[in-house]
Amino acid sequence: MFHSDAEAIIRDALKLRETVLATQLNLTVNGEMYWRLNGLVDRLHEVMGAVAGREPDFRTARLGLLPLPEDYCDRT
């Protein structure tokens, strides 16, 4: 994959992530749609990590509300 393609995928994934997070603000936390969207955010993180070849860099500017690295400690 070309570097420019990877950057475009990550940039678009971040925009989609921002939209999903904004949508979640209007939903109740115990609702089914909230958790479905939460799962989508998790999948976006996986895709961004796979495209970048590593976990997203949480110190990078303008990444928004990415989970902190310790949020991944229970993942296998």
C-alpha atoms as a PDB file:
ATOM      1  CA  MET A   1       0.000   0.000   0.000  1.00  0.00           C
ATOM      2  CA  PHE A   2       1.294   3.424  -0.855  1.00  0.00           C
ATOM      3  CA  HIS A   3       1.973   5.823   2.011  1.00  0.00           C
ATOM      4  CA  SER A   4      -0.468   8.364   0.553  1.00  0.00           C
ATOM      5  CA  ASP A   5      -3.211   5.699   0.409  1.00  0.00           C
ATOM      6  CA  ALA A   6      -2.604   4.758   4.045  1.00  0.00           C
ATOM      7  CA  GLU A   7      -2.781   8.406   5.081  1.00  0.00           C
ATOM      8  CA  ALA A   8      -6.055   8.866   3.177  1.00  0.00           C
ATOM      9  CA  ILE A   9      -7.602   5.785   4.805  1.00  0.00           C
ATOM     10  CA  ILE A  10      -6.586   6.924   8.274  1.00  0.00           C
ATOM     11  CA  ARG A  11      -7.768  10.488   7.613  1.00  0.00           C
ATOM     12  CA  ASP A  12     -11.173   9.222   6.433  1.00  0.00           C
ATOM     13  CA  ALA A  13     -11.418   6.797   9.352  1.00  0.00           C
ATOM     14  CA  LEU A  14     -10.750   9.667  11.765  1.00  0.00           C
ATOM     15  CA  LYS A  15     -13.524  11.731  10.154  1.00  0.00           C
ATOM     16  CA  LEU A  16     -15.939   8.813  10.409  1.00  0.00           C
ATOM     17  CA  ARG A  17     -14.861   8.240  14.011  1.00  0.00           C
ATOM     18  CA  GLU A  18     -15.531  11.890  14.837  1.00  0.00           C
ATOM     19  CA  THR A  19     -19.015  11.626  13.315  1.00  0.00           C
ATOM     20  CA  VAL A  20     -19.810   8.444  15.242  1.00  0.00           C
ATOM     21  CA  LEU A  21     -18.610   9.936  18.535  1.00  0.00           C
ATOM     22  CA  ALA A  22     -20.744  13.032  17.951  1.00  0.00           C
ATOM     23  CA  THR A  23     -23.744  10.816  17.252  1.00  0.00           C
ATOM     24  CA  GLN A  24     -23.186   8.853  20.456  1.00  0.00           C
ATOM     25  CA  LEU A  25     -23.578  12.047  22.473  1.00  0.00           C
ATOM     26  CA  ASN A  26     -27.263  12.066  21.513  1.00  0.00           C
ATOM     27  CA  LEU A  27     -27.910   8.471  22.596  1.00  0.00           C
ATOM     28  CA  THR A  28     -28.428   6.906  25.995  1.00  0.00           C
ATOM     29  CA  VAL A  29     -25.463   4.881  27.207  1.00  0.00           C
ATOM     30  CA  ASN A  30     -27.598   1.833  27.962  1.00  0.00           C
ATOM     31  CA  GLY A  31     -29.216   1.805  24.511  1.00  0.00           C
ATOM     32  CA  GLU A  32     -28.480  -0.806  21.862  1.00  0.00           C
ATOM     33  CA  MET A  33     -27.567   1.736  19.153  1.00  0.00           C
ATOM     34  CA  TYR A  34     -25.004   3.391  21.449  1.00  0.00           C
ATOM     35  CA  TRP A  35     -23.197   0.087  21.906  1.00  0.00           C
ATOM     36  CA  ARG A  36     -23.394  -0.796  18.233  1.00  0.00           C
ATOM     37  CA  LEU A  37     -21.740   2.525  17.405  1.00  0.00           C
ATOM     38  CA  ASN A  38     -19.205   1.897  20.151  1.00  0.00           C
ATOM     39  CA  GLY A  39     -18.334  -1.363  18.397  1.00  0.00           C
ATOM     40  CA  LEU A  40     -17.878   0.562  15.154  1.00  0.00           C
ATOM     41  CA  VAL A  41     -15.402   2.886  16.871  1.00  0.00           C
ATOM     42  CA  ASP A  42     -13.472  -0.151  18.129  1.00  0.00           C
ATOM     43  CA  ARG A  43     -13.348  -1.567  14.598  1.00  0.00           C
ATOM     44  CA  LEU A  44     -12.148   1.782  13.240  1.00  0.00           C
ATOM     45  CA  HIS A  45      -9.306   1.703  15.778  1.00  0.00           C
ATOM     46  CA  GLU A  46      -8.389  -1.792  14.584  1.00  0.00           C
ATOM     47  CA  VAL A  47      -8.396  -0.693  10.949  1.00  0.00           C
ATOM     48  CA  MET A  48      -6.298   2.398  11.661  1.00  0.00           C
ATOM     49  CA  GLY A  49      -3.828   0.266  13.603  1.00  0.00           C
ATOM     50  CA  ALA A  50      -3.639  -2.310  10.802  1.00  0.00           C
ATOM     51  CA  VAL A  51      -3.134   0.357   8.134  1.00  0.00           C
ATOM     52  CA  ALA A  52      -0.481   2.121  10.203  1.00  0.00           C
ATOM     53  CA  GLY A  53       1.128  -1.179  11.172  1.00  0.00           C
ATOM     54  CA  ARG A  54       0.799  -0.351  14.872  1.00  0.00           C
ATOM     55  CA  GLU A  55      -1.550   1.035  17.504  1.00  0.00           C
ATOM     56  CA  PRO A  56      -2.607   4.638  16.785  1.00  0.00           C
ATOM     57  CA  ASP A  57      -0.276   7.224  18.328  1.00  0.00           C
ATOM     58  CA  PHE A  58      -2.355   8.797  21.058  1.00  0.00           C
ATOM     59  CA  ARG A  59      -0.042  11.805  21.301  1.00  0.00           C
ATOM     60  CA  THR A  60      -0.677  12.902  17.712  1.00  0.00           C
ATOM     61  CA  ALA A  61      -2.531  16.182  17.381  1.00  0.00           C
ATOM     62  CA  ARG A  62      -6.213  16.282  16.396  1.00  0.00           C
ATOM     63  CA  LEU A  63      -6.959  12.601  16.984  1.00  0.00           C
ATOM     64  CA  GLY A  64      -9.808  13.512  19.294  1.00  0.00           C
ATOM     65  CA  LEU A  65     -10.983  11.188  22.020  1.00  0.00           C
ATOM     66  CA  LEU A  66      -8.971   8.078  21.218  1.00  0.00           C
ATOM     67  CA  PRO A  67      -8.766   5.690  24.156  1.00  0.00           C
ATOM     68  CA  LEU A  68      -5.602   5.778  26.197  1.00  0.00           C
ATOM     69  CA  PRO A  69      -3.150   2.884  25.753  1.00  0.00           C
ATOM     70  CA  GLU A  70      -4.231   1.388  29.081  1.00  0.00           C
ATOM     71  CA  ASP A  71      -7.712   0.928  27.585  1.00  0.00           C
ATOM     72  CA  TYR A  72      -6.160  -1.768  25.399  1.00  0.00           C
ATOM     73  CA  CYS A  73      -4.671  -3.735  28.310  1.00  0.00           C
ATOM     74  CA  ASP A  74      -7.551  -6.244  28.375  1.00  0.00           C
ATOM     75  CA  ARG A  75      -7.391  -6.981  24.642  1.00  0.00           C
ATOM     76  CA  THR A  76      -5.882 -10.234  23.486  1.00  0.00           C
END
